[in-house]
Amino acid sequence: MVVSDQQFEASSEQYWRLVFTLCREVLGNEDDAADAAQEVFVRKWRARDTYEASRATFKTWLCSNTHHLLIDRLRGRKSQPALVSCLPDSLPEERAGETPHEALTHALVQACLSQLEPTERQLLLLREVEERTWEELAELSKLTVSQVRTRTERARSKLRECLEKHGMKKLT
């Protein structure tokens, strides 16, 4: 699905602050953050004909590119890369075609994820959602593979406990 110019512009305006804030948090200053955020949107503008709404929301598409750009920028600085999370600060908006049960389940998962320590949450999401290898996670986090596995398992266990506590029977 090709994103129209108007759709891209509207979505860009909606998510500019999120992308800029993530960049500022990781890069440490507003000038570098503004440059990085601008680069994210330029990259996405050029790739707008590759966007598939069925695979990811526009926000997820932007956050993924922001994450990768920030890692590249930090590697260029020869500093330790930080893990970047694109989790919302509030409960997610209703998604198109989502049943009330699916919306509730999604909100519960998001709420339980927000209770994890940031590093645990980021490692778990990078492993489960982005399907990163243990070695990639170790490199990104500057931890050993063993430490990454332990923290990821701890996060998975905490998430499972939280979901079960709120009535979700089994984490798939």
C-alpha atoms as a PDB file:
ATOM      1  CA  MET A   1       0.000   0.000   0.000  1.00  0.00           C
ATOM      2  CA  VAL A   2       1.442   3.323  -1.017  1.00  0.00           C
ATOM      3  CA  VAL A   3       1.057   6.085   1.547  1.00  0.00           C
ATOM      4  CA  SER A   4      -0.298   9.238  -0.054  1.00  0.00           C
ATOM      5  CA  ASP A   5       1.544  12.506   0.410  1.00  0.00           C
ATOM      6  CA  GLN A   6      -1.278  13.805   2.608  1.00  0.00           C
ATOM      7  CA  GLN A   7      -1.335  10.644   4.765  1.00  0.00           C
ATOM      8  CA  PHE A   8       2.424  10.746   5.186  1.00  0.00           C
ATOM      9  CA  GLU A   9       2.384  14.430   6.112  1.00  0.00           C
ATOM     10  CA  ALA A  10      -0.424  13.959   8.653  1.00  0.00           C
ATOM     11  CA  SER A  11       1.252  10.937  10.235  1.00  0.00           C
ATOM     12  CA  SER A  12       4.617  12.691  10.298  1.00  0.00           C
ATOM     13  CA  GLU A  13       3.131  15.656  12.136  1.00  0.00           C
ATOM     14  CA  GLN A  14       1.426  13.291  14.579  1.00  0.00           C
ATOM     15  CA  TYR A  15       4.628  11.371  15.424  1.00  0.00           C
ATOM     16  CA  TRP A  16       7.319  14.046  15.074  1.00  0.00           C
ATOM     17  CA  ARG A  17       7.442  14.685  18.846  1.00  0.00           C
ATOM     18  CA  LEU A  18       7.774  10.940  19.626  1.00  0.00           C
ATOM     19  CA  VAL A  19      10.647  10.438  17.180  1.00  0.00           C
ATOM     20  CA  PHE A  20      12.386  13.639  18.295  1.00  0.00           C
ATOM     21  CA  THR A  21      12.036  12.702  21.986  1.00  0.00           C
ATOM     22  CA  LEU A  22      13.485   9.229  21.410  1.00  0.00           C
ATOM     23  CA  CYS A  23      16.397  10.749  19.503  1.00  0.00           C
ATOM     24  CA  ARG A  24      17.042  13.377  22.187  1.00  0.00           C
ATOM     25  CA  GLU A  25      16.899  10.753  24.946  1.00  0.00           C
ATOM     26  CA  VAL A  26      19.508   8.589  23.247  1.00  0.00           C
ATOM     27  CA  LEU A  27      21.745  11.201  21.601  1.00  0.00           C
ATOM     28  CA  GLY A  28      21.724  13.616  24.504  1.00  0.00           C
ATOM     29  CA  ASN A  29      21.135  16.964  22.831  1.00  0.00           C
ATOM     30  CA  GLU A  30      18.496  18.727  20.788  1.00  0.00           C
ATOM     31  CA  ASP A  31      20.628  19.537  17.726  1.00  0.00           C
ATOM     32  CA  ASP A  32      21.665  15.919  17.150  1.00  0.00           C
ATOM     33  CA  ALA A  33      18.117  14.804  17.933  1.00  0.00           C
ATOM     34  CA  ALA A  34      16.615  17.185  15.381  1.00  0.00           C
ATOM     35  CA  ASP A  35      19.080  15.986  12.717  1.00  0.00           C
ATOM     36  CA  ALA A  36      18.365  12.322  13.479  1.00  0.00           C
ATOM     37  CA  ALA A  37      14.597  12.823  13.556  1.00  0.00           C
ATOM     38  CA  GLN A  38      14.737  14.645  10.235  1.00  0.00           C
ATOM     39  CA  GLU A  39      16.747  11.787   8.755  1.00  0.00           C
ATOM     40  CA  VAL A  40      14.150   9.255   9.960  1.00  0.00           C
ATOM     41  CA  PHE A  41      11.384  11.133   8.174  1.00  0.00           C
ATOM     42  CA  VAL A  42      13.443  11.617   5.010  1.00  0.00           C
ATOM     43  CA  ARG A  43      14.198   7.870   4.926  1.00  0.00           C
ATOM     44  CA  LYS A  44      10.566   7.029   5.458  1.00  0.00           C
ATOM     45  CA  TRP A  45       9.445   9.527   2.795  1.00  0.00           C
ATOM     46  CA  ARG A  46      11.729   7.849   0.286  1.00  0.00           C
ATOM     47  CA  ALA A  47      10.462   4.399   1.331  1.00  0.00           C
ATOM     48  CA  ARG A  48       6.776   5.306   1.665  1.00  0.00           C
ATOM     49  CA  ASP A  49       5.799   3.022  -1.217  1.00  0.00           C
ATOM     50  CA  THR A  50       7.138   0.032   0.778  1.00  0.00           C
ATOM     51  CA  TYR A  51       4.882   0.650   3.785  1.00  0.00           C
ATOM     52  CA  GLU A  52       2.418  -2.182   4.426  1.00  0.00           C
ATOM     53  CA  ALA A  53      -0.313  -1.264   6.879  1.00  0.00           C
ATOM     54  CA  SER A  54      -1.142  -4.947   7.340  1.00  0.00           C
ATOM     55  CA  ARG A  55       2.326  -5.603   8.779  1.00  0.00           C
ATOM     56  CA  ALA A  56       2.761  -2.644  11.135  1.00  0.00           C
ATOM     57  CA  THR A  57       1.224   0.630  12.166  1.00  0.00           C
ATOM     58  CA  PHE A  58       2.801   3.786  10.805  1.00  0.00           C
ATOM     59  CA  LYS A  59       4.055   4.511  14.327  1.00  0.00           C
ATOM     60  CA  THR A  60       5.777   1.104  14.578  1.00  0.00           C
ATOM     61  CA  TRP A  61       7.281   1.576  11.120  1.00  0.00           C
ATOM     62  CA  LEU A  62       8.748   4.928  12.214  1.00  0.00           C
ATOM     63  CA  CYS A  63       9.959   3.639  15.590  1.00  0.00           C
ATOM     64  CA  SER A  64      11.733   0.694  14.026  1.00  0.00           C
ATOM     65  CA  ASN A  65      13.623   2.984  11.671  1.00  0.00           C
ATOM     66  CA  THR A  66      14.378   5.391  14.530  1.00  0.00           C
ATOM     67  CA  HIS A  67      15.784   2.516  16.567  1.00  0.00           C
ATOM     68  CA  HIS A  68      18.095   1.393  13.758  1.00  0.00           C
ATOM     69  CA  LEU A  69      19.221   4.919  12.895  1.00  0.00           C
ATOM     70  CA  LEU A  70      20.093   5.631  16.542  1.00  0.00           C
ATOM     71  CA  ILE A  71      22.151   2.468  16.808  1.00  0.00           C
ATOM     72  CA  ASP A  72      24.028   3.478  13.656  1.00  0.00           C
ATOM     73  CA  ARG A  73      24.597   6.985  15.010  1.00  0.00           C
ATOM     74  CA  LEU A  74      25.869   5.676  18.336  1.00  0.00           C
ATOM     75  CA  ARG A  75      28.176   3.201  16.643  1.00  0.00           C
ATOM     76  CA  GLY A  76      29.539   6.106  14.629  1.00  0.00           C
ATOM     77  CA  ARG A  77      30.285   7.928  17.876  1.00  0.00           C
ATOM     78  CA  LYS A  78      32.028   4.813  19.200  1.00  0.00           C
ATOM     79  CA  SER A  79      29.906   4.995  22.310  1.00  0.00           C
ATOM     80  CA  GLN A  80      27.856   2.310  23.959  1.00  0.00           C
ATOM     81  CA  PRO A  81      24.550   1.821  22.151  1.00  0.00           C
ATOM     82  CA  ALA A  82      21.419   2.270  24.186  1.00  0.00           C
ATOM     83  CA  LEU A  83      18.346   0.165  23.740  1.00  0.00           C
ATOM     84  CA  VAL A  84      15.438   2.178  22.428  1.00  0.00           C
ATOM     85  CA  SER A  85      11.826   1.509  23.251  1.00  0.00           C
ATOM     86  CA  CYS A  86       8.842   2.767  21.333  1.00  0.00           C
ATOM     87  CA  LEU A  87       6.313   1.799  23.935  1.00  0.00           C
ATOM     88  CA  PRO A  88       3.573   4.368  24.335  1.00  0.00           C
ATOM     89  CA  ASP A  89       3.300   6.385  27.528  1.00  0.00           C
ATOM     90  CA  SER A  90      -0.408   5.642  27.686  1.00  0.00           C
ATOM     91  CA  LEU A  91      -2.743   2.888  26.655  1.00  0.00           C
ATOM     92  CA  PRO A  92      -2.898   2.386  22.891  1.00  0.00           C
ATOM     93  CA  GLU A  93      -5.635   3.794  20.734  1.00  0.00           C
ATOM     94  CA  GLU A  94      -8.140   1.385  19.276  1.00  0.00           C
ATOM     95  CA  ARG A  95      -6.807  -0.217  16.122  1.00  0.00           C
ATOM     96  CA  ALA A  96      -8.908  -0.689  12.994  1.00  0.00           C
ATOM     97  CA  GLY A  97     -10.907  -3.910  12.985  1.00  0.00           C
ATOM     98  CA  GLU A  98     -10.009  -4.766  16.561  1.00  0.00           C
ATOM     99  CA  THR A  99     -12.686  -6.435  18.664  1.00  0.00           C
ATOM    100  CA  PRO A 100     -13.307  -5.152  22.207  1.00  0.00           C
ATOM    101  CA  HIS A 101     -11.703  -8.353  23.557  1.00  0.00           C
ATOM    102  CA  GLU A 102      -8.578  -7.820  21.410  1.00  0.00           C
ATOM    103  CA  ALA A 103      -8.377  -4.174  22.486  1.00  0.00           C
ATOM    104  CA  LEU A 104      -8.608  -5.171  26.146  1.00  0.00           C
ATOM    105  CA  THR A 105      -5.985  -7.893  25.711  1.00  0.00           C
ATOM    106  CA  HIS A 106      -3.649  -5.473  23.925  1.00  0.00           C
ATOM    107  CA  ALA A 107      -4.113  -2.858  26.646  1.00  0.00           C
ATOM    108  CA  LEU A 108      -3.434  -5.449  29.364  1.00  0.00           C
ATOM    109  CA  VAL A 109      -0.229  -6.601  27.661  1.00  0.00           C
ATOM    110  CA  GLN A 110       0.909  -2.978  27.299  1.00  0.00           C
ATOM    111  CA  ALA A 111       0.130  -2.258  30.954  1.00  0.00           C
ATOM    112  CA  CYS A 112       2.055  -5.332  32.111  1.00  0.00           C
ATOM    113  CA  LEU A 113       4.982  -4.482  29.844  1.00  0.00           C
ATOM    114  CA  SER A 114       5.124  -0.989  31.334  1.00  0.00           C
ATOM    115  CA  GLN A 115       5.693  -2.535  34.785  1.00  0.00           C
ATOM    116  CA  LEU A 116       8.933  -4.206  33.689  1.00  0.00           C
ATOM    117  CA  GLU A 117      12.297  -2.549  34.198  1.00  0.00           C
ATOM    118  CA  PRO A 118      13.227  -0.637  31.020  1.00  0.00           C
ATOM    119  CA  THR A 119      16.152  -2.904  30.100  1.00  0.00           C
ATOM    120  CA  GLU A 120      14.108  -6.054  30.675  1.00  0.00           C
ATOM    121  CA  ARG A 121      11.217  -4.684  28.622  1.00  0.00           C
ATOM    122  CA  GLN A 122      13.502  -3.630  25.777  1.00  0.00           C
ATOM    123  CA  LEU A 123      15.362  -6.923  25.685  1.00  0.00           C
ATOM    124  CA  LEU A 124      12.103  -8.880  25.713  1.00  0.00           C
ATOM    125  CA  LEU A 125      10.592  -6.795  22.911  1.00  0.00           C
ATOM    126  CA  LEU A 126      13.731  -6.913  20.798  1.00  0.00           C
ATOM    127  CA  ARG A 127      13.867 -10.693  21.217  1.00  0.00           C
ATOM    128  CA  GLU A 128      10.167 -11.475  20.784  1.00  0.00           C
ATOM    129  CA  VAL A 129       8.945  -8.758  18.434  1.00  0.00           C
ATOM    130  CA  GLU A 130      12.027  -7.988  16.347  1.00  0.00           C
ATOM    131  CA  GLU A 131      13.302 -11.567  16.659  1.00  0.00           C
ATOM    132  CA  ARG A 132      16.855 -10.469  17.468  1.00  0.00           C
ATOM    133  CA  THR A 133      19.419 -13.157  18.229  1.00  0.00           C
ATOM    134  CA  TRP A 134      20.979 -13.532  21.676  1.00  0.00           C
ATOM    135  CA  GLU A 135      24.273 -12.354  20.207  1.00  0.00           C
ATOM    136  CA  GLU A 136      22.709  -9.206  18.718  1.00  0.00           C
ATOM    137  CA  LEU A 137      21.070  -8.395  22.041  1.00  0.00           C
ATOM    138  CA  ALA A 138      24.359  -8.901  23.862  1.00  0.00           C
ATOM    139  CA  GLU A 139      26.106  -6.551  21.462  1.00  0.00           C
ATOM    140  CA  LEU A 140      23.372  -3.905  21.712  1.00  0.00           C
ATOM    141  CA  SER A 141      23.196  -4.006  25.488  1.00  0.00           C
ATOM    142  CA  LYS A 142      26.900  -4.561  26.204  1.00  0.00           C
ATOM    143  CA  LEU A 143      25.934  -7.563  28.331  1.00  0.00           C
ATOM    144  CA  THR A 144      27.038 -11.156  27.969  1.00  0.00           C
ATOM    145  CA  VAL A 145      24.787 -13.614  26.147  1.00  0.00           C
ATOM    146  CA  SER A 146      24.152 -15.327  29.476  1.00  0.00           C
ATOM    147  CA  GLN A 147      23.108 -12.043  31.114  1.00  0.00           C
ATOM    148  CA  VAL A 148      20.818 -11.229  28.186  1.00  0.00           C
ATOM    149  CA  ARG A 149      19.130 -14.629  28.392  1.00  0.00           C
ATOM    150  CA  THR A 150      18.694 -14.338  32.151  1.00  0.00           C
ATOM    151  CA  ARG A 151      17.198 -10.831  31.971  1.00  0.00           C
ATOM    152  CA  THR A 152      14.948 -11.747  29.067  1.00  0.00           C
ATOM    153  CA  GLU A 153      13.663 -14.841  30.872  1.00  0.00           C
ATOM    154  CA  ARG A 154      13.114 -12.789  34.025  1.00  0.00           C
ATOM    155  CA  ALA A 155      11.115 -10.266  31.985  1.00  0.00           C
ATOM    156  CA  ARG A 156       9.079 -13.042  30.329  1.00  0.00           C
ATOM    157  CA  SER A 157       8.320 -14.532  33.746  1.00  0.00           C
ATOM    158  CA  LYS A 158       7.261 -11.148  35.206  1.00  0.00           C
ATOM    159  CA  LEU A 159       5.062 -10.484  32.182  1.00  0.00           C
ATOM    160  CA  ARG A 160       3.446 -13.912  32.483  1.00  0.00           C
ATOM    161  CA  GLU A 161       2.781 -13.383  36.226  1.00  0.00           C
ATOM    162  CA  CYS A 162       1.217  -9.976  35.621  1.00  0.00           C
ATOM    163  CA  LEU A 163      -1.021 -11.287  32.844  1.00  0.00           C
ATOM    164  CA  GLU A 164      -2.108 -14.296  34.911  1.00  0.00           C
ATOM    165  CA  LYS A 165      -2.799 -12.034  37.886  1.00  0.00           C
ATOM    166  CA  HIS A 166      -5.201 -10.058  35.682  1.00  0.00           C
ATOM    167  CA  GLY A 167      -7.029 -13.143  34.422  1.00  0.00           C
ATOM    168  CA  MET A 168      -5.165 -14.020  31.246  1.00  0.00           C
ATOM    169  CA  LYS A 169      -4.766 -17.779  31.461  1.00  0.00           C
ATOM    170  CA  LYS A 170      -1.780 -18.466  29.256  1.00  0.00           C
ATOM    171  CA  LEU A 171       0.856 -16.354  27.540  1.00  0.00           C
ATOM    172  CA  THR A 172       1.270 -17.589  23.990  1.00  0.00           C
END
